[in-house]
Each structure stands twice: as structure tokens, then as C-alpha cells.
Amino acid sequence: MTTTALTPAQAAARFGEFTVIDVRTPGEYATGHLPGAHNIPLDRLDEAADALRKAAQRTPFLIVCASGARSAKGCARLAAQDIDAATLEGGTTAWATAGHEVERPVGARATWPMDRQVRLAAGTFVLAGFLAGLAWPPAHWLSGAIGAGLVFSGVTNTCGMAAALAKLPHNRPPRSAVSFQETLLRLAA
């Protein structure tokens, strides 16, 4: 199976050909997404494999996220399951910057992209460990543990902190959002 990277201009020119899958958290998705995009968070992509396989028989997928990093991972995971998909270079950010339409639900609250949330949380823990370590030296281990976690994240290309942050209330879908199960039913139909 192949993965193709499309620029926003290329994706816009072929937009009607794709089923768009947004792999960001529901909170990020609610702040604005490509028209008609279905929200299947990256951490639930494997769970959605059967519905995605059925939908891929009808139309190819365009996988999107905020910057293109998570969508590339999503495409790789789908390719491993023999599902073709294209990724949007630069993600929703590049799409909007290029002047293309972004759907924003009425009343949607702004949620920071996950990579920014991870940087804030990691930086806060490192700083807290350093400052607390001035009064109680063993607290420096907190900074060391976060540093080790970031190294592990870089080596394995996974992020446990992002997975934990995705569970926080501000990253969950609004009550008015289409449920994950309903999204799968729509795709499989």
C-alpha cells in the first residue's frame, strides 16, 4: 500500500475524490476541520480499521491533522493494514493558511494543538522539578524523569504525555459532537 503526501493546493483540486479523516483529538477537531471531515483520533485508528476498510473500497482517504505529523503516522498505520491513504502536508494549519475553507462548529472553544500542550506540560514539570529541587534536592529527579520521557518519545516516535493529555476534559468532544461509534457507522454504510 502506498502513502501519498499532497499539498493543500493538490488536495483542494481533488477534494471531492476523498473521504477526509481527521486524526486529531476531538477537542482539536472541534476548533476547525476540513469540510466533511470525520474525526477518528489517531489513538483509535486501529479500533476503526473495519469501518475504514469498508469506506476505502468506495473512495480513497485523505488523512489530516494539525501539522501533518500525526496524519503521516495514521497513513503508515493504515498502510500496514492494506488501506491506501494520502496525507495533507502541513495539515489543517497549512490548509487554512492557503485560504481554503475550514468548518468551525458554532460555539466551539479554542483548544491548543496537542504538540503545544505537550511542550507546555513538559516544560512546566521540568521547571517545577528544578525549582522544587532548590529547596529539596531529590525533586530534581522530576526534571530528569521528564527528560528521559522526552528522549524515549523521540526514539520510539510515541508520546505517552500526549496520550494522557488527550484524556483531559478540554480535549474531549463537545456534547453536540457526533460520537465515535456514529462516525464508524457512517463510514461503514
N, C-alpha and C. Protein backbone atom coordinates (compact mmCIF):
# COMPACT_ATOMS: atom_id res chain seq x y z
N MET A 1 0.84 -1.17 0.00
CA MET A 1 0.00 0.00 0.00
C MET A 1 0.89 1.24 0.00
N THR A 2 0.38 2.29 -0.62
CA THR A 2 1.17 3.50 -0.76
C THR A 2 0.57 4.64 0.05
N THR A 3 1.45 5.56 0.43
CA THR A 3 1.02 6.78 1.09
C THR A 3 1.52 7.94 0.24
N THR A 4 0.62 8.82 -0.10
CA THR A 4 0.95 9.99 -0.90
C THR A 4 0.80 11.22 -0.04
N ALA A 5 1.73 12.15 -0.17
CA ALA A 5 1.63 13.43 0.53
C ALA A 5 1.17 14.47 -0.47
N LEU A 6 0.08 15.15 -0.14
CA LEU A 6 -0.49 16.16 -1.02
C LEU A 6 -0.36 17.54 -0.39
N THR A 7 -0.02 18.52 -1.20
CA THR A 7 -0.01 19.91 -0.72
C THR A 7 -1.47 20.36 -0.59
N PRO A 8 -1.72 21.44 0.13
CA PRO A 8 -3.10 21.94 0.20
C PRO A 8 -3.70 22.23 -1.18
N ALA A 9 -2.90 22.77 -2.10
CA ALA A 9 -3.42 23.06 -3.45
C ALA A 9 -3.79 21.77 -4.18
N GLN A 10 -2.95 20.74 -4.08
CA GLN A 10 -3.26 19.46 -4.72
C GLN A 10 -4.50 18.81 -4.10
N ALA A 11 -4.59 18.87 -2.77
CA ALA A 11 -5.74 18.27 -2.09
C ALA A 11 -7.03 19.02 -2.44
N ALA A 12 -6.95 20.35 -2.51
CA ALA A 12 -8.13 21.14 -2.85
C ALA A 12 -8.61 20.84 -4.27
N ALA A 13 -7.68 20.64 -5.18
CA ALA A 13 -8.04 20.34 -6.57
C ALA A 13 -8.75 18.99 -6.70
N ARG A 14 -8.44 18.07 -5.80
CA ARG A 14 -9.03 16.72 -5.85
C ARG A 14 -9.97 16.46 -4.67
N PHE A 15 -10.40 17.50 -3.99
CA PHE A 15 -11.10 17.36 -2.71
C PHE A 15 -12.31 16.43 -2.77
N GLY A 16 -13.12 16.51 -3.80
CA GLY A 16 -14.32 15.70 -3.90
C GLY A 16 -14.06 14.21 -4.06
N GLU A 17 -12.82 13.85 -4.36
CA GLU A 17 -12.48 12.43 -4.55
C GLU A 17 -12.28 11.69 -3.23
N PHE A 18 -12.06 12.43 -2.12
CA PHE A 18 -11.62 11.83 -0.87
C PHE A 18 -12.69 11.74 0.20
N THR A 19 -12.54 10.75 1.05
CA THR A 19 -13.18 10.74 2.36
C THR A 19 -12.11 11.28 3.30
N VAL A 20 -12.42 12.37 3.98
CA VAL A 20 -11.43 13.04 4.83
C VAL A 20 -11.55 12.52 6.25
N ILE A 21 -10.42 12.07 6.79
CA ILE A 21 -10.33 11.57 8.16
C ILE A 21 -9.38 12.48 8.93
N ASP A 22 -9.88 13.10 9.99
CA ASP A 22 -9.08 13.98 10.85
C ASP A 22 -8.67 13.18 12.08
N VAL A 23 -7.37 13.01 12.29
CA VAL A 23 -6.87 12.15 13.37
C VAL A 23 -6.50 12.93 14.63
N ARG A 24 -6.91 14.19 14.72
CA ARG A 24 -6.65 14.97 15.93
C ARG A 24 -7.61 14.57 17.04
N THR A 25 -7.36 15.09 18.24
CA THR A 25 -8.28 14.83 19.35
C THR A 25 -9.61 15.51 19.05
N PRO A 26 -10.69 15.02 19.65
CA PRO A 26 -11.99 15.66 19.43
C PRO A 26 -12.00 17.16 19.77
N GLY A 27 -11.27 17.55 20.80
CA GLY A 27 -11.19 18.97 21.16
C GLY A 27 -10.54 19.79 20.07
N GLU A 28 -9.45 19.27 19.50
CA GLU A 28 -8.78 19.96 18.39
C GLU A 28 -9.68 20.01 17.16
N TYR A 29 -10.32 18.89 16.86
CA TYR A 29 -11.22 18.79 15.71
C TYR A 29 -12.33 19.83 15.80
N ALA A 30 -12.87 20.02 17.00
CA ALA A 30 -13.98 20.95 17.19
C ALA A 30 -13.60 22.40 16.95
N THR A 31 -12.31 22.72 16.99
CA THR A 31 -11.90 24.10 16.77
C THR A 31 -11.84 24.46 15.30
N GLY A 32 -11.94 23.49 14.42
CA GLY A 32 -11.96 23.74 12.99
C GLY A 32 -11.35 22.57 12.23
N HIS A 33 -12.05 22.15 11.18
CA HIS A 33 -11.60 20.99 10.41
C HIS A 33 -11.98 21.16 8.94
N LEU A 34 -11.40 20.34 8.09
CA LEU A 34 -11.73 20.39 6.68
C LEU A 34 -13.21 20.03 6.50
N PRO A 35 -13.86 20.64 5.51
CA PRO A 35 -15.29 20.36 5.30
C PRO A 35 -15.56 18.87 5.14
N GLY A 36 -16.55 18.39 5.89
CA GLY A 36 -16.96 17.00 5.79
C GLY A 36 -16.04 15.99 6.43
N ALA A 37 -15.01 16.44 7.13
CA ALA A 37 -14.05 15.52 7.74
C ALA A 37 -14.70 14.71 8.86
N HIS A 38 -14.30 13.45 8.94
CA HIS A 38 -14.74 12.56 10.02
C HIS A 38 -13.62 12.54 11.06
N ASN A 39 -13.98 12.62 12.33
CA ASN A 39 -12.98 12.62 13.40
C ASN A 39 -12.76 11.22 13.94
N ILE A 40 -11.57 10.67 13.66
CA ILE A 40 -11.14 9.40 14.23
C ILE A 40 -9.76 9.66 14.81
N PRO A 41 -9.68 9.91 16.13
CA PRO A 41 -8.38 10.22 16.73
C PRO A 41 -7.35 9.13 16.44
N LEU A 42 -6.10 9.55 16.32
CA LEU A 42 -5.02 8.63 15.99
C LEU A 42 -4.98 7.43 16.93
N ASP A 43 -5.22 7.66 18.22
CA ASP A 43 -5.15 6.55 19.17
C ASP A 43 -6.32 5.57 19.04
N ARG A 44 -7.31 5.89 18.19
CA ARG A 44 -8.44 4.98 17.98
C ARG A 44 -8.50 4.46 16.55
N LEU A 45 -7.46 4.74 15.76
CA LEU A 45 -7.45 4.37 14.36
C LEU A 45 -7.54 2.85 14.17
N ASP A 46 -6.81 2.09 14.96
CA ASP A 46 -6.85 0.63 14.84
C ASP A 46 -8.24 0.08 15.16
N GLU A 47 -8.89 0.70 16.12
CA GLU A 47 -10.25 0.31 16.53
C GLU A 47 -11.24 0.52 15.38
N ALA A 48 -10.94 1.49 14.52
CA ALA A 48 -11.83 1.83 13.41
C ALA A 48 -11.48 1.11 12.11
N ALA A 49 -10.52 0.21 12.14
CA ALA A 49 -9.98 -0.41 10.93
C ALA A 49 -11.05 -1.07 10.05
N ASP A 50 -11.99 -1.79 10.64
CA ASP A 50 -13.01 -2.47 9.82
C ASP A 50 -13.87 -1.48 9.05
N ALA A 51 -14.34 -0.43 9.74
CA ALA A 51 -15.16 0.59 9.07
C ALA A 51 -14.34 1.33 8.02
N LEU A 52 -13.09 1.59 8.32
CA LEU A 52 -12.23 2.29 7.36
C LEU A 52 -11.97 1.43 6.12
N ARG A 53 -11.78 0.15 6.33
CA ARG A 53 -11.55 -0.76 5.20
C ARG A 53 -12.76 -0.75 4.26
N LYS A 54 -13.97 -0.78 4.82
CA LYS A 54 -15.19 -0.73 4.00
C LYS A 54 -15.29 0.60 3.26
N ALA A 55 -15.03 1.69 3.95
CA ALA A 55 -15.13 3.01 3.33
C ALA A 55 -14.07 3.20 2.24
N ALA A 56 -12.89 2.61 2.43
CA ALA A 56 -11.80 2.73 1.45
C ALA A 56 -12.13 2.03 0.14
N GLN A 57 -13.07 1.10 0.16
CA GLN A 57 -13.48 0.43 -1.07
C GLN A 57 -14.28 1.38 -1.97
N ARG A 58 -14.86 2.42 -1.38
CA ARG A 58 -15.67 3.38 -2.15
C ARG A 58 -14.84 4.59 -2.60
N THR A 59 -14.10 5.18 -1.69
CA THR A 59 -13.30 6.37 -2.02
C THR A 59 -11.98 6.33 -1.26
N PRO A 60 -10.93 6.94 -1.83
CA PRO A 60 -9.66 6.99 -1.12
C PRO A 60 -9.74 7.96 0.07
N PHE A 61 -8.80 7.80 0.99
CA PHE A 61 -8.77 8.64 2.18
C PHE A 61 -7.75 9.76 2.06
N LEU A 62 -8.11 10.91 2.63
CA LEU A 62 -7.18 12.00 2.87
C LEU A 62 -7.12 12.12 4.38
N ILE A 63 -5.97 11.84 4.96
CA ILE A 63 -5.79 11.87 6.40
C ILE A 63 -5.19 13.22 6.77
N VAL A 64 -5.79 13.89 7.77
CA VAL A 64 -5.33 15.22 8.16
C VAL A 64 -5.17 15.31 9.67
N CYS A 65 -4.32 16.24 10.09
CA CYS A 65 -4.14 16.60 11.50
C CYS A 65 -3.81 18.08 11.52
N ALA A 66 -3.18 18.55 12.56
CA ALA A 66 -2.86 19.98 12.66
C ALA A 66 -1.68 20.35 11.77
N SER A 67 -0.63 19.51 11.76
CA SER A 67 0.60 19.89 11.05
C SER A 67 1.05 18.89 9.99
N GLY A 68 0.49 17.71 9.99
CA GLY A 68 0.88 16.67 9.05
C GLY A 68 1.65 15.53 9.70
N ALA A 69 2.12 15.72 10.93
CA ALA A 69 2.90 14.67 11.59
C ALA A 69 2.03 13.48 11.99
N ARG A 70 0.92 13.74 12.67
CA ARG A 70 0.04 12.63 13.09
C ARG A 70 -0.64 11.98 11.89
N SER A 71 -0.97 12.79 10.87
CA SER A 71 -1.62 12.19 9.70
C SER A 71 -0.66 11.26 8.96
N ALA A 72 0.63 11.59 8.94
CA ALA A 72 1.62 10.69 8.33
C ALA A 72 1.69 9.38 9.11
N LYS A 73 1.65 9.46 10.44
CA LYS A 73 1.62 8.24 11.25
C LYS A 73 0.36 7.44 10.97
N GLY A 74 -0.77 8.14 10.86
CA GLY A 74 -2.03 7.48 10.56
C GLY A 74 -1.99 6.76 9.23
N CYS A 75 -1.41 7.41 8.22
CA CYS A 75 -1.29 6.78 6.89
C CYS A 75 -0.43 5.53 6.98
N ALA A 76 0.65 5.59 7.75
CA ALA A 76 1.53 4.42 7.89
C ALA A 76 0.77 3.28 8.57
N ARG A 77 -0.02 3.59 9.58
CA ARG A 77 -0.79 2.55 10.27
C ARG A 77 -1.84 1.94 9.35
N LEU A 78 -2.47 2.78 8.53
CA LEU A 78 -3.46 2.26 7.58
C LEU A 78 -2.78 1.42 6.50
N ALA A 79 -1.63 1.87 6.02
CA ALA A 79 -0.89 1.11 5.00
C ALA A 79 -0.52 -0.28 5.53
N ALA A 80 -0.19 -0.37 6.81
CA ALA A 80 0.14 -1.67 7.42
C ALA A 80 -1.07 -2.60 7.41
N GLN A 81 -2.27 -2.02 7.28
CA GLN A 81 -3.49 -2.82 7.23
C GLN A 81 -4.06 -2.88 5.81
N ASP A 82 -3.20 -2.59 4.83
CA ASP A 82 -3.57 -2.63 3.41
C ASP A 82 -4.68 -1.65 3.04
N ILE A 83 -4.63 -0.46 3.63
CA ILE A 83 -5.59 0.60 3.31
C ILE A 83 -4.81 1.78 2.77
N ASP A 84 -5.09 2.16 1.52
CA ASP A 84 -4.43 3.31 0.91
C ASP A 84 -4.94 4.62 1.50
N ALA A 85 -4.03 5.57 1.65
CA ALA A 85 -4.42 6.89 2.16
C ALA A 85 -3.38 7.91 1.74
N ALA A 86 -3.83 9.15 1.63
CA ALA A 86 -2.94 10.28 1.36
C ALA A 86 -2.93 11.17 2.60
N THR A 87 -1.83 11.86 2.82
CA THR A 87 -1.73 12.78 3.94
C THR A 87 -1.67 14.21 3.41
N LEU A 88 -2.18 15.13 4.19
CA LEU A 88 -2.16 16.53 3.82
C LEU A 88 -0.92 17.18 4.41
N GLU A 89 0.01 17.60 3.55
CA GLU A 89 1.24 18.26 4.02
C GLU A 89 0.88 19.54 4.76
N GLY A 90 1.42 19.69 5.95
CA GLY A 90 1.17 20.90 6.73
C GLY A 90 -0.16 20.90 7.46
N GLY A 91 -0.96 19.88 7.22
CA GLY A 91 -2.21 19.70 7.95
C GLY A 91 -3.24 20.80 7.78
N THR A 92 -4.15 20.85 8.75
CA THR A 92 -5.23 21.83 8.73
C THR A 92 -4.67 23.25 8.78
N THR A 93 -3.55 23.42 9.45
CA THR A 93 -2.93 24.75 9.53
C THR A 93 -2.56 25.25 8.14
N ALA A 94 -1.88 24.42 7.36
CA ALA A 94 -1.48 24.81 6.00
C ALA A 94 -2.72 25.00 5.12
N TRP A 95 -3.72 24.16 5.30
CA TRP A 95 -4.96 24.25 4.53
C TRP A 95 -5.61 25.62 4.76
N ALA A 96 -5.75 26.01 6.01
CA ALA A 96 -6.38 27.30 6.34
C ALA A 96 -5.51 28.47 5.88
N THR A 97 -4.19 28.35 6.05
CA THR A 97 -3.27 29.41 5.62
C THR A 97 -3.35 29.62 4.12
N ALA A 98 -3.60 28.55 3.36
CA ALA A 98 -3.73 28.66 1.91
C ALA A 98 -5.07 29.26 1.49
N GLY A 99 -5.93 29.55 2.46
CA GLY A 99 -7.20 30.20 2.17
C GLY A 99 -8.36 29.27 1.90
N HIS A 100 -8.18 27.98 2.18
CA HIS A 100 -9.26 27.03 1.95
C HIS A 100 -10.22 27.03 3.14
N GLU A 101 -11.44 26.61 2.89
CA GLU A 101 -12.49 26.62 3.91
C GLU A 101 -12.19 25.65 5.06
N VAL A 102 -12.51 26.11 6.26
CA VAL A 102 -12.42 25.28 7.46
C VAL A 102 -13.76 25.39 8.17
N GLU A 103 -14.36 24.25 8.50
CA GLU A 103 -15.62 24.25 9.23
C GLU A 103 -15.35 24.41 10.72
N ARG A 104 -16.07 25.34 11.33
CA ARG A 104 -15.96 25.56 12.77
C ARG A 104 -17.37 25.51 13.36
N PRO A 105 -17.63 24.54 14.21
CA PRO A 105 -18.96 24.47 14.81
C PRO A 105 -19.26 25.73 15.63
N VAL A 106 -20.51 26.14 15.64
CA VAL A 106 -20.92 27.30 16.42
C VAL A 106 -20.63 27.03 17.89
N GLY A 107 -20.01 27.97 18.55
CA GLY A 107 -19.72 27.85 19.97
C GLY A 107 -18.51 27.00 20.31
N ALA A 108 -17.76 26.57 19.29
CA ALA A 108 -16.58 25.73 19.56
C ALA A 108 -15.53 26.55 20.31
N ARG A 109 -14.92 25.94 21.29
CA ARG A 109 -13.88 26.63 22.05
C ARG A 109 -12.53 26.30 21.45
N ALA A 110 -11.61 27.24 21.61
CA ALA A 110 -10.27 27.04 21.07
C ALA A 110 -9.49 26.09 21.97
N THR A 111 -8.91 25.08 21.38
CA THR A 111 -8.05 24.13 22.09
C THR A 111 -6.70 24.17 21.42
N TRP A 112 -5.65 24.24 22.21
CA TRP A 112 -4.31 24.25 21.65
C TRP A 112 -4.03 22.94 20.94
N PRO A 113 -3.21 22.97 19.87
CA PRO A 113 -2.77 21.72 19.25
C PRO A 113 -2.02 20.86 20.28
N MET A 114 -2.10 19.54 20.08
CA MET A 114 -1.52 18.61 21.06
C MET A 114 -0.03 18.84 21.28
N ASP A 115 0.73 19.14 20.21
CA ASP A 115 2.17 19.33 20.40
C ASP A 115 2.45 20.52 21.31
N ARG A 116 1.62 21.56 21.23
CA ARG A 116 1.80 22.72 22.11
C ARG A 116 1.44 22.36 23.55
N GLN A 117 0.38 21.57 23.74
CA GLN A 117 0.01 21.13 25.08
C GLN A 117 1.13 20.30 25.71
N VAL A 118 1.76 19.43 24.91
CA VAL A 118 2.85 18.60 25.42
C VAL A 118 4.04 19.47 25.81
N ARG A 119 4.38 20.45 24.98
CA ARG A 119 5.51 21.34 25.31
C ARG A 119 5.24 22.10 26.60
N LEU A 120 4.01 22.60 26.77
CA LEU A 120 3.67 23.33 28.00
C LEU A 120 3.77 22.41 29.21
N ALA A 121 3.18 21.22 29.13
CA ALA A 121 3.19 20.30 30.27
C ALA A 121 4.62 19.87 30.60
N ALA A 122 5.39 19.48 29.60
CA ALA A 122 6.77 19.03 29.85
C ALA A 122 7.59 20.16 30.44
N GLY A 123 7.49 21.34 29.87
CA GLY A 123 8.24 22.49 30.38
C GLY A 123 7.85 22.84 31.80
N THR A 124 6.56 22.75 32.10
CA THR A 124 6.08 23.05 33.46
C THR A 124 6.64 22.05 34.46
N PHE A 125 6.63 20.76 34.12
CA PHE A 125 7.16 19.75 35.03
C PHE A 125 8.67 19.89 35.22
N VAL A 126 9.39 20.18 34.15
CA VAL A 126 10.84 20.36 34.27
C VAL A 126 11.16 21.56 35.15
N LEU A 127 10.47 22.67 34.91
CA LEU A 127 10.69 23.88 35.71
C LEU A 127 10.32 23.64 37.17
N ALA A 128 9.17 22.96 37.39
CA ALA A 128 8.75 22.67 38.77
C ALA A 128 9.77 21.78 39.47
N GLY A 129 10.29 20.78 38.78
CA GLY A 129 11.31 19.91 39.37
C GLY A 129 12.58 20.67 39.71
N PHE A 130 12.97 21.56 38.81
CA PHE A 130 14.18 22.36 39.06
C PHE A 130 13.98 23.28 40.26
N LEU A 131 12.87 24.03 40.28
CA LEU A 131 12.63 24.98 41.38
C LEU A 131 12.44 24.26 42.71
N ALA A 132 11.67 23.18 42.71
CA ALA A 132 11.47 22.42 43.95
C ALA A 132 12.80 21.81 44.41
N GLY A 133 13.65 21.46 43.45
CA GLY A 133 14.96 20.90 43.79
C GLY A 133 15.88 21.88 44.49
N LEU A 134 15.64 23.15 44.34
CA LEU A 134 16.44 24.15 45.06
C LEU A 134 16.19 24.06 46.56
N ALA A 135 14.95 23.72 46.94
CA ALA A 135 14.61 23.58 48.36
C ALA A 135 14.78 22.15 48.85
N TRP A 136 14.53 21.19 47.99
CA TRP A 136 14.61 19.77 48.35
C TRP A 136 15.26 19.04 47.18
N PRO A 137 16.56 18.83 47.20
CA PRO A 137 17.31 18.29 46.05
C PRO A 137 16.74 17.05 45.37
N PRO A 138 16.12 16.10 46.08
CA PRO A 138 15.57 14.94 45.36
C PRO A 138 14.49 15.32 44.32
N ALA A 139 13.90 16.50 44.44
CA ALA A 139 12.87 16.91 43.47
C ALA A 139 13.45 17.09 42.07
N HIS A 140 14.77 17.22 41.97
CA HIS A 140 15.39 17.32 40.64
C HIS A 140 15.12 16.07 39.80
N TRP A 141 14.82 14.95 40.47
CA TRP A 141 14.52 13.72 39.74
C TRP A 141 13.29 13.88 38.84
N LEU A 142 12.37 14.78 39.22
CA LEU A 142 11.20 15.02 38.37
C LEU A 142 11.64 15.55 37.01
N SER A 143 12.56 16.50 37.02
CA SER A 143 13.08 17.05 35.76
C SER A 143 13.77 15.96 34.95
N GLY A 144 14.55 15.12 35.64
CA GLY A 144 15.24 14.03 34.96
C GLY A 144 14.27 13.02 34.36
N ALA A 145 13.20 12.72 35.08
CA ALA A 145 12.21 11.76 34.58
C ALA A 145 11.50 12.30 33.34
N ILE A 146 11.16 13.58 33.35
CA ILE A 146 10.51 14.17 32.18
C ILE A 146 11.48 14.18 31.01
N GLY A 147 12.74 14.52 31.26
CA GLY A 147 13.75 14.48 30.19
C GLY A 147 13.89 13.08 29.61
N ALA A 148 13.91 12.08 30.47
CA ALA A 148 14.01 10.70 30.00
C ALA A 148 12.78 10.32 29.17
N GLY A 149 11.61 10.78 29.60
CA GLY A 149 10.39 10.51 28.85
C GLY A 149 10.43 11.16 27.47
N LEU A 150 10.99 12.37 27.38
CA LEU A 150 11.09 13.04 26.08
C LEU A 150 12.08 12.32 25.17
N VAL A 151 13.18 11.81 25.73
CA VAL A 151 14.13 11.04 24.93
C VAL A 151 13.45 9.77 24.42
N PHE A 152 12.76 9.07 25.30
CA PHE A 152 12.04 7.85 24.90
C PHE A 152 11.02 8.17 23.80
N SER A 153 10.31 9.29 23.97
CA SER A 153 9.32 9.71 22.97
C SER A 153 9.97 9.94 21.62
N GLY A 154 11.13 10.60 21.62
CA GLY A 154 11.83 10.85 20.37
C GLY A 154 12.33 9.58 19.71
N VAL A 155 12.86 8.66 20.50
CA VAL A 155 13.41 7.42 19.96
C VAL A 155 12.32 6.51 19.41
N THR A 156 11.19 6.42 20.12
CA THR A 156 10.13 5.49 19.72
C THR A 156 9.07 6.14 18.84
N ASN A 157 9.12 7.46 18.70
CA ASN A 157 8.13 8.21 17.92
C ASN A 157 6.72 7.99 18.47
N THR A 158 6.63 7.90 19.81
CA THR A 158 5.35 7.82 20.51
C THR A 158 5.35 8.91 21.56
N CYS A 159 4.23 9.19 22.15
CA CYS A 159 4.20 10.22 23.19
C CYS A 159 3.15 9.87 24.24
N GLY A 160 3.61 9.33 25.34
CA GLY A 160 2.72 8.98 26.45
C GLY A 160 2.05 10.21 27.04
N MET A 161 2.79 11.34 27.07
CA MET A 161 2.20 12.55 27.62
C MET A 161 1.03 13.03 26.75
N ALA A 162 1.19 12.94 25.45
CA ALA A 162 0.09 13.33 24.55
C ALA A 162 -1.12 12.42 24.76
N ALA A 163 -0.86 11.13 24.94
CA ALA A 163 -1.97 10.19 25.18
C ALA A 163 -2.69 10.54 26.48
N ALA A 164 -1.94 10.92 27.51
CA ALA A 164 -2.56 11.30 28.78
C ALA A 164 -3.31 12.62 28.65
N LEU A 165 -2.72 13.60 27.97
CA LEU A 165 -3.37 14.90 27.80
C LEU A 165 -4.65 14.79 26.97
N ALA A 166 -4.67 13.85 26.03
CA ALA A 166 -5.86 13.67 25.18
C ALA A 166 -7.08 13.26 25.99
N LYS A 167 -6.87 12.72 27.19
CA LYS A 167 -7.98 12.28 28.04
C LYS A 167 -8.57 13.41 28.87
N LEU A 168 -7.90 14.58 28.91
CA LEU A 168 -8.39 15.69 29.71
C LEU A 168 -9.69 16.25 29.12
N PRO A 169 -10.53 16.84 29.98
CA PRO A 169 -11.84 17.32 29.51
C PRO A 169 -11.79 18.30 28.33
N HIS A 170 -10.81 19.18 28.28
CA HIS A 170 -10.78 20.16 27.19
C HIS A 170 -10.40 19.52 25.85
N ASN A 171 -9.91 18.30 25.85
CA ASN A 171 -9.59 17.59 24.62
C ASN A 171 -10.66 16.59 24.22
N ARG A 172 -11.71 16.52 24.97
CA ARG A 172 -12.81 15.62 24.65
C ARG A 172 -13.81 16.33 23.74
N PRO A 173 -14.63 15.56 23.04
CA PRO A 173 -15.59 16.19 22.13
C PRO A 173 -16.67 16.94 22.90
N PRO A 174 -17.19 18.01 22.29
CA PRO A 174 -18.33 18.68 22.92
C PRO A 174 -19.55 17.75 22.91
N ARG A 175 -20.50 18.02 23.76
CA ARG A 175 -21.69 17.16 23.86
C ARG A 175 -22.45 17.06 22.53
N SER A 176 -22.37 18.11 21.73
CA SER A 176 -23.10 18.13 20.46
C SER A 176 -22.38 17.39 19.34
N ALA A 177 -21.17 16.89 19.59
CA ALA A 177 -20.37 16.24 18.55
C ALA A 177 -20.94 14.87 18.20
N VAL A 178 -20.64 14.46 16.97
CA VAL A 178 -21.00 13.12 16.52
C VAL A 178 -20.13 12.13 17.30
N SER A 179 -20.74 11.09 17.83
CA SER A 179 -19.98 10.11 18.62
C SER A 179 -19.05 9.30 17.73
N PHE A 180 -18.05 8.72 18.34
CA PHE A 180 -17.10 7.87 17.62
C PHE A 180 -17.83 6.71 16.95
N GLN A 181 -18.73 6.08 17.69
CA GLN A 181 -19.47 4.93 17.14
C GLN A 181 -20.33 5.35 15.95
N GLU A 182 -20.96 6.53 16.03
CA GLU A 182 -21.78 7.01 14.92
C GLU A 182 -20.90 7.32 13.71
N THR A 183 -19.71 7.84 13.94
CA THR A 183 -18.77 8.11 12.85
C THR A 183 -18.42 6.81 12.14
N LEU A 184 -18.15 5.75 12.91
CA LEU A 184 -17.83 4.45 12.31
C LEU A 184 -19.01 3.92 11.51
N LEU A 185 -20.22 4.07 12.01
CA LEU A 185 -21.39 3.61 11.26
C LEU A 185 -21.54 4.38 9.95
N ARG A 186 -21.30 5.68 9.98
CA ARG A 186 -21.40 6.48 8.76
C ARG A 186 -20.36 6.05 7.72
N LEU A 187 -19.16 5.76 8.20
CA LEU A 187 -18.11 5.35 7.28
C LEU A 187 -18.40 3.98 6.68
N ALA A 188 -18.89 3.06 7.49
CA ALA A 188 -19.12 1.69 7.04
C ALA A 188 -20.35 1.57 6.14
N ALA A 189 -21.26 2.53 6.24
CA ALA A 189 -22.52 2.45 5.47
C ALA A 189 -22.31 2.63 3.98
